[in-house]
Amino acid sequence: MELQTMQPNTEWEPAGYEESVAALGADDYTFHVWGGDWCIDCQQQLPDFGAALDAAGVDPGNVEHYPVEKAEDGSKTGPGVEEYGIEYIPTVVVEKDGEELVRFVESEAVPIAVYLGKELRAPNE
């Protein structure tokens, strides 16, 4: 099932985000995205991230969606939640060849694409 909130924001402009966009598309990464269409943070952050992935030319087959629900006790439930230790959404895990390279969790101070782009570039800088 796809997250509707991952539909690219058609008004998002890559100008000013060139380095981040380039880093997202620089390798054959797999992006694991946990979110909920009901979640305010996901509604605010994921459409721009979807647009950044689109601008980077990331193959949609390399973006895996994990819809999350909220249990009565506030915990998150859904595919991969326990396996990846997901507590907050949105969470995006970037992997290459099955190895986790970087993880964005809801409360970072910068947009998802900026955070991930910086972290993916860091080993090469």
N, C-alpha and C. Protein backbone atom coordinates (compact mmCIF):
# COMPACT_ATOMS: atom_id res chain seq x y z
N MET A 1 0.84 -1.18 0.00
CA MET A 1 0.00 0.00 0.00
C MET A 1 0.88 1.24 0.00
N GLU A 2 0.55 2.18 -0.86
CA GLU A 2 1.32 3.42 -0.95
C GLU A 2 0.80 4.47 0.01
N LEU A 3 1.71 5.26 0.51
CA LEU A 3 1.34 6.41 1.33
C LEU A 3 0.94 7.56 0.41
N GLN A 4 -0.26 8.06 0.57
CA GLN A 4 -0.70 9.19 -0.25
C GLN A 4 0.14 10.42 0.01
N THR A 5 0.65 10.54 1.23
CA THR A 5 1.48 11.70 1.58
C THR A 5 2.82 11.70 0.85
N MET A 6 3.19 10.59 0.21
CA MET A 6 4.44 10.54 -0.56
C MET A 6 4.24 11.04 -1.99
N GLN A 7 3.01 11.38 -2.36
CA GLN A 7 2.79 11.97 -3.68
C GLN A 7 3.57 13.28 -3.73
N PRO A 8 4.42 13.47 -4.76
CA PRO A 8 5.26 14.66 -4.81
C PRO A 8 4.46 15.97 -4.80
N ASN A 9 4.94 16.91 -4.01
CA ASN A 9 4.39 18.26 -3.98
C ASN A 9 4.73 18.92 -5.30
N THR A 10 3.72 19.23 -6.10
CA THR A 10 3.95 19.79 -7.44
C THR A 10 4.48 21.23 -7.39
N GLU A 11 4.42 21.86 -6.23
CA GLU A 11 4.92 23.23 -6.11
C GLU A 11 6.33 23.28 -5.53
N TRP A 12 6.89 22.13 -5.17
CA TRP A 12 8.25 22.10 -4.62
C TRP A 12 9.25 22.36 -5.73
N GLU A 13 10.20 23.23 -5.46
CA GLU A 13 11.23 23.58 -6.43
C GLU A 13 12.59 23.07 -5.95
N PRO A 14 13.35 22.41 -6.82
CA PRO A 14 14.66 21.91 -6.41
C PRO A 14 15.73 23.00 -6.27
N ALA A 15 15.44 24.22 -6.75
CA ALA A 15 16.42 25.30 -6.63
C ALA A 15 16.79 25.50 -5.17
N GLY A 16 18.08 25.49 -4.90
CA GLY A 16 18.56 25.61 -3.53
C GLY A 16 18.79 24.27 -2.86
N TYR A 17 18.31 23.21 -3.47
CA TYR A 17 18.45 21.86 -2.91
C TYR A 17 19.27 20.96 -3.83
N GLU A 18 20.00 21.53 -4.75
CA GLU A 18 20.70 20.75 -5.77
C GLU A 18 21.63 19.69 -5.18
N GLU A 19 22.40 20.06 -4.15
CA GLU A 19 23.32 19.08 -3.55
C GLU A 19 22.58 17.93 -2.90
N SER A 20 21.48 18.25 -2.23
CA SER A 20 20.68 17.20 -1.59
C SER A 20 20.06 16.28 -2.62
N VAL A 21 19.49 16.86 -3.65
CA VAL A 21 18.85 16.07 -4.71
C VAL A 21 19.89 15.18 -5.38
N ALA A 22 21.06 15.74 -5.67
CA ALA A 22 22.12 14.94 -6.31
C ALA A 22 22.53 13.77 -5.42
N ALA A 23 22.65 14.00 -4.12
CA ALA A 23 23.04 12.93 -3.20
C ALA A 23 21.99 11.83 -3.13
N LEU A 24 20.71 12.20 -3.16
CA LEU A 24 19.65 11.20 -3.10
C LEU A 24 19.68 10.27 -4.30
N GLY A 25 20.04 10.83 -5.46
CA GLY A 25 20.05 10.03 -6.68
C GLY A 25 21.42 9.52 -7.08
N ALA A 26 22.42 9.71 -6.20
CA ALA A 26 23.80 9.40 -6.56
C ALA A 26 24.14 7.92 -6.61
N ASP A 27 23.32 7.09 -6.02
CA ASP A 27 23.64 5.66 -5.96
C ASP A 27 22.33 4.87 -6.00
N ASP A 28 22.46 3.58 -5.97
CA ASP A 28 21.29 2.70 -6.04
C ASP A 28 20.76 2.45 -4.62
N TYR A 29 20.29 3.52 -3.98
CA TYR A 29 19.78 3.43 -2.62
C TYR A 29 18.36 2.89 -2.61
N THR A 30 17.98 2.27 -1.49
CA THR A 30 16.60 1.91 -1.23
C THR A 30 16.13 2.79 -0.08
N PHE A 31 14.99 3.44 -0.29
CA PHE A 31 14.42 4.34 0.71
C PHE A 31 13.21 3.65 1.34
N HIS A 32 13.28 3.41 2.64
CA HIS A 32 12.18 2.81 3.39
C HIS A 32 11.49 3.96 4.13
N VAL A 33 10.22 4.17 3.83
CA VAL A 33 9.49 5.32 4.37
C VAL A 33 8.33 4.85 5.24
N TRP A 34 8.39 5.18 6.53
CA TRP A 34 7.28 4.91 7.44
C TRP A 34 6.53 6.20 7.67
N GLY A 35 5.21 6.13 7.53
CA GLY A 35 4.38 7.31 7.75
C GLY A 35 2.93 6.91 7.84
N GLY A 36 2.11 7.88 8.10
CA GLY A 36 0.67 7.68 8.14
C GLY A 36 -0.01 8.86 7.47
N ASP A 37 -0.93 8.57 6.60
CA ASP A 37 -1.65 9.66 5.92
C ASP A 37 -2.45 10.49 6.91
N TRP A 38 -2.69 9.96 8.10
CA TRP A 38 -3.42 10.64 9.17
C TRP A 38 -2.51 11.57 9.98
N CYS A 39 -1.21 11.43 9.82
CA CYS A 39 -0.20 12.10 10.65
C CYS A 39 0.12 13.50 10.11
N ILE A 40 -0.02 14.51 10.96
CA ILE A 40 0.24 15.90 10.56
C ILE A 40 1.69 16.08 10.11
N ASP A 41 2.65 15.54 10.87
CA ASP A 41 4.06 15.68 10.48
C ASP A 41 4.32 15.05 9.12
N CYS A 42 3.71 13.91 8.85
CA CYS A 42 3.87 13.24 7.55
C CYS A 42 3.25 14.09 6.44
N GLN A 43 2.09 14.64 6.70
CA GLN A 43 1.42 15.49 5.71
C GLN A 43 2.27 16.71 5.37
N GLN A 44 3.02 17.21 6.34
CA GLN A 44 3.84 18.40 6.13
C GLN A 44 5.18 18.07 5.46
N GLN A 45 5.76 16.91 5.78
CA GLN A 45 7.12 16.62 5.34
C GLN A 45 7.25 15.70 4.13
N LEU A 46 6.38 14.71 4.02
CA LEU A 46 6.56 13.70 2.99
C LEU A 46 6.31 14.17 1.56
N PRO A 47 5.35 15.07 1.29
CA PRO A 47 5.18 15.50 -0.10
C PRO A 47 6.43 16.17 -0.69
N ASP A 48 7.12 16.98 0.10
CA ASP A 48 8.36 17.60 -0.38
C ASP A 48 9.45 16.56 -0.58
N PHE A 49 9.51 15.57 0.30
CA PHE A 49 10.49 14.51 0.14
C PHE A 49 10.18 13.70 -1.13
N GLY A 50 8.92 13.42 -1.36
CA GLY A 50 8.53 12.73 -2.58
C GLY A 50 8.96 13.51 -3.82
N ALA A 51 8.82 14.84 -3.77
CA ALA A 51 9.22 15.69 -4.89
C ALA A 51 10.74 15.66 -5.07
N ALA A 52 11.48 15.65 -3.96
CA ALA A 52 12.94 15.59 -4.04
C ALA A 52 13.40 14.27 -4.64
N LEU A 53 12.77 13.16 -4.26
CA LEU A 53 13.11 11.87 -4.85
C LEU A 53 12.82 11.87 -6.34
N ASP A 54 11.70 12.47 -6.71
CA ASP A 54 11.31 12.58 -8.11
C ASP A 54 12.36 13.39 -8.87
N ALA A 55 12.75 14.53 -8.31
CA ALA A 55 13.74 15.40 -8.95
C ALA A 55 15.10 14.70 -9.06
N ALA A 56 15.40 13.81 -8.11
CA ALA A 56 16.66 13.09 -8.12
C ALA A 56 16.65 11.92 -9.10
N GLY A 57 15.49 11.62 -9.66
CA GLY A 57 15.39 10.51 -10.59
C GLY A 57 15.42 9.15 -9.93
N VAL A 58 15.05 9.10 -8.65
CA VAL A 58 15.04 7.83 -7.93
C VAL A 58 13.91 6.96 -8.49
N ASP A 59 14.26 5.74 -8.83
CA ASP A 59 13.29 4.78 -9.35
C ASP A 59 12.23 4.52 -8.27
N PRO A 60 10.94 4.68 -8.60
CA PRO A 60 9.89 4.42 -7.60
C PRO A 60 9.98 3.02 -6.99
N GLY A 61 10.57 2.08 -7.71
CA GLY A 61 10.77 0.73 -7.18
C GLY A 61 11.77 0.68 -6.04
N ASN A 62 12.55 1.75 -5.88
CA ASN A 62 13.52 1.83 -4.79
C ASN A 62 12.98 2.58 -3.58
N VAL A 63 11.68 2.88 -3.60
CA VAL A 63 11.04 3.57 -2.49
C VAL A 63 9.96 2.64 -1.93
N GLU A 64 10.19 2.17 -0.73
CA GLU A 64 9.25 1.25 -0.10
C GLU A 64 8.42 1.99 0.94
N HIS A 65 7.12 1.87 0.84
CA HIS A 65 6.18 2.55 1.73
C HIS A 65 5.73 1.60 2.83
N TYR A 66 5.69 2.12 4.05
CA TYR A 66 5.24 1.35 5.20
C TYR A 66 4.18 2.16 5.94
N PRO A 67 2.91 1.95 5.61
CA PRO A 67 1.84 2.67 6.31
C PRO A 67 1.77 2.25 7.78
N VAL A 68 1.70 3.24 8.65
CA VAL A 68 1.71 3.03 10.09
C VAL A 68 0.39 3.47 10.68
N GLU A 69 -0.07 2.72 11.65
CA GLU A 69 -1.27 3.09 12.41
C GLU A 69 -0.84 3.38 13.84
N LYS A 70 -1.69 4.08 14.55
CA LYS A 70 -1.42 4.42 15.95
C LYS A 70 -2.31 3.56 16.83
N ALA A 71 -1.70 2.81 17.74
CA ALA A 71 -2.45 1.97 18.67
C ALA A 71 -3.04 2.84 19.77
N GLU A 72 -3.97 2.28 20.53
CA GLU A 72 -4.63 3.03 21.61
C GLU A 72 -3.64 3.57 22.63
N ASP A 73 -2.53 2.85 22.84
CA ASP A 73 -1.54 3.32 23.82
C ASP A 73 -0.55 4.32 23.22
N GLY A 74 -0.76 4.68 21.95
CA GLY A 74 0.10 5.66 21.30
C GLY A 74 1.26 5.06 20.53
N SER A 75 1.50 3.76 20.71
CA SER A 75 2.60 3.11 19.99
C SER A 75 2.22 2.97 18.51
N LYS A 76 3.23 2.78 17.69
CA LYS A 76 3.02 2.63 16.25
C LYS A 76 2.96 1.15 15.89
N THR A 77 2.07 0.82 14.96
CA THR A 77 1.96 -0.55 14.48
C THR A 77 1.97 -0.54 12.96
N GLY A 78 2.46 -1.60 12.39
CA GLY A 78 2.48 -1.72 10.94
C GLY A 78 3.69 -2.51 10.49
N PRO A 79 3.81 -2.68 9.17
CA PRO A 79 4.91 -3.47 8.63
C PRO A 79 6.27 -2.88 8.96
N GLY A 80 7.18 -3.72 9.42
CA GLY A 80 8.55 -3.32 9.68
C GLY A 80 8.78 -2.46 10.91
N VAL A 81 7.72 -2.10 11.63
CA VAL A 81 7.85 -1.22 12.79
C VAL A 81 8.76 -1.84 13.86
N GLU A 82 8.52 -3.09 14.20
CA GLU A 82 9.34 -3.75 15.22
C GLU A 82 10.73 -4.04 14.69
N GLU A 83 10.80 -4.57 13.48
CA GLU A 83 12.08 -4.94 12.88
C GLU A 83 13.05 -3.75 12.82
N TYR A 84 12.54 -2.58 12.47
CA TYR A 84 13.39 -1.39 12.33
C TYR A 84 13.35 -0.46 13.55
N GLY A 85 12.59 -0.82 14.57
CA GLY A 85 12.53 -0.01 15.78
C GLY A 85 11.92 1.37 15.56
N ILE A 86 10.83 1.43 14.81
CA ILE A 86 10.19 2.70 14.49
C ILE A 86 9.34 3.16 15.67
N GLU A 87 9.61 4.37 16.15
CA GLU A 87 8.83 4.96 17.24
C GLU A 87 8.10 6.21 16.80
N TYR A 88 8.70 6.97 15.90
CA TYR A 88 8.12 8.24 15.46
C TYR A 88 8.01 8.24 13.94
N ILE A 89 7.02 8.96 13.44
CA ILE A 89 6.88 9.09 11.99
C ILE A 89 6.75 10.55 11.62
N PRO A 90 7.25 10.93 10.45
CA PRO A 90 7.87 10.05 9.47
C PRO A 90 9.27 9.62 9.90
N THR A 91 9.60 8.40 9.49
CA THR A 91 10.97 7.89 9.58
C THR A 91 11.33 7.38 8.20
N VAL A 92 12.55 7.73 7.77
CA VAL A 92 13.06 7.26 6.48
C VAL A 92 14.41 6.62 6.73
N VAL A 93 14.55 5.38 6.30
CA VAL A 93 15.81 4.66 6.41
C VAL A 93 16.34 4.45 4.99
N VAL A 94 17.59 4.84 4.79
CA VAL A 94 18.24 4.66 3.49
C VAL A 94 19.20 3.49 3.62
N GLU A 95 19.04 2.54 2.70
CA GLU A 95 19.90 1.36 2.69
C GLU A 95 20.56 1.20 1.34
N LYS A 96 21.70 0.54 1.37
CA LYS A 96 22.37 0.11 0.14
C LYS A 96 22.86 -1.30 0.38
N ASP A 97 22.49 -2.18 -0.52
CA ASP A 97 22.86 -3.60 -0.40
C ASP A 97 22.46 -4.17 0.95
N GLY A 98 21.29 -3.75 1.47
CA GLY A 98 20.76 -4.28 2.71
C GLY A 98 21.36 -3.68 3.97
N GLU A 99 22.28 -2.74 3.82
CA GLU A 99 22.93 -2.11 4.98
C GLU A 99 22.37 -0.71 5.19
N GLU A 100 21.96 -0.42 6.43
CA GLU A 100 21.44 0.91 6.75
C GLU A 100 22.58 1.92 6.72
N LEU A 101 22.39 2.99 5.93
CA LEU A 101 23.39 4.04 5.81
C LEU A 101 23.04 5.25 6.67
N VAL A 102 21.76 5.61 6.68
CA VAL A 102 21.33 6.80 7.40
C VAL A 102 19.85 6.68 7.71
N ARG A 103 19.44 7.38 8.77
CA ARG A 103 18.04 7.35 9.19
C ARG A 103 17.60 8.77 9.54
N PHE A 104 16.48 9.18 8.97
CA PHE A 104 15.82 10.44 9.34
C PHE A 104 14.65 10.08 10.24
N VAL A 105 14.54 10.78 11.37
CA VAL A 105 13.41 10.59 12.28
C VAL A 105 12.74 11.93 12.47
N GLU A 106 11.45 11.92 12.49
CA GLU A 106 10.52 13.04 12.59
C GLU A 106 11.07 14.37 13.10
N SER A 107 11.84 14.37 14.15
CA SER A 107 12.15 15.61 14.85
C SER A 107 13.41 16.35 14.38
N GLU A 108 14.01 15.94 13.28
CA GLU A 108 15.19 16.66 12.79
C GLU A 108 14.80 18.10 12.46
N ALA A 109 15.76 19.00 12.56
CA ALA A 109 15.49 20.43 12.37
C ALA A 109 15.46 20.87 10.91
N VAL A 110 15.81 19.99 9.99
CA VAL A 110 15.83 20.34 8.57
C VAL A 110 14.94 19.36 7.79
N PRO A 111 14.55 19.72 6.57
CA PRO A 111 13.72 18.83 5.76
C PRO A 111 14.40 17.47 5.51
N ILE A 112 13.58 16.48 5.25
CA ILE A 112 14.07 15.12 5.05
C ILE A 112 15.16 15.06 3.99
N ALA A 113 14.91 15.65 2.82
CA ALA A 113 15.88 15.59 1.72
C ALA A 113 17.20 16.24 2.10
N VAL A 114 17.15 17.35 2.81
CA VAL A 114 18.36 18.06 3.22
C VAL A 114 19.16 17.20 4.20
N TYR A 115 18.49 16.66 5.20
CA TYR A 115 19.15 15.82 6.19
C TYR A 115 19.81 14.61 5.54
N LEU A 116 19.02 13.88 4.75
CA LEU A 116 19.56 12.67 4.13
C LEU A 116 20.66 13.00 3.14
N GLY A 117 20.47 14.07 2.36
CA GLY A 117 21.49 14.47 1.39
C GLY A 117 22.81 14.77 2.06
N LYS A 118 22.77 15.51 3.15
CA LYS A 118 24.00 15.84 3.89
C LYS A 118 24.68 14.59 4.43
N GLU A 119 23.88 13.71 5.02
CA GLU A 119 24.44 12.48 5.60
C GLU A 119 25.01 11.55 4.52
N LEU A 120 24.34 11.49 3.37
CA LEU A 120 24.83 10.62 2.29
C LEU A 120 26.09 11.19 1.65
N ARG A 121 26.24 12.50 1.64
CA ARG A 121 27.43 13.15 1.09
C ARG A 121 28.61 13.09 2.06
N ALA A 122 28.33 13.06 3.37
CA ALA A 122 29.37 13.19 4.40
C ALA A 122 30.56 12.25 4.21
N PRO A 123 30.37 10.97 3.89
CA PRO A 123 31.54 10.10 3.74
C PRO A 123 32.44 10.51 2.56
N ASN A 124 31.85 11.23 1.60
CA ASN A 124 32.61 11.61 0.41
C ASN A 124 33.21 13.00 0.49
N GLU A 125 32.89 13.74 1.55
CA GLU A 125 33.38 15.12 1.65
C GLU A 125 34.70 15.19 2.37
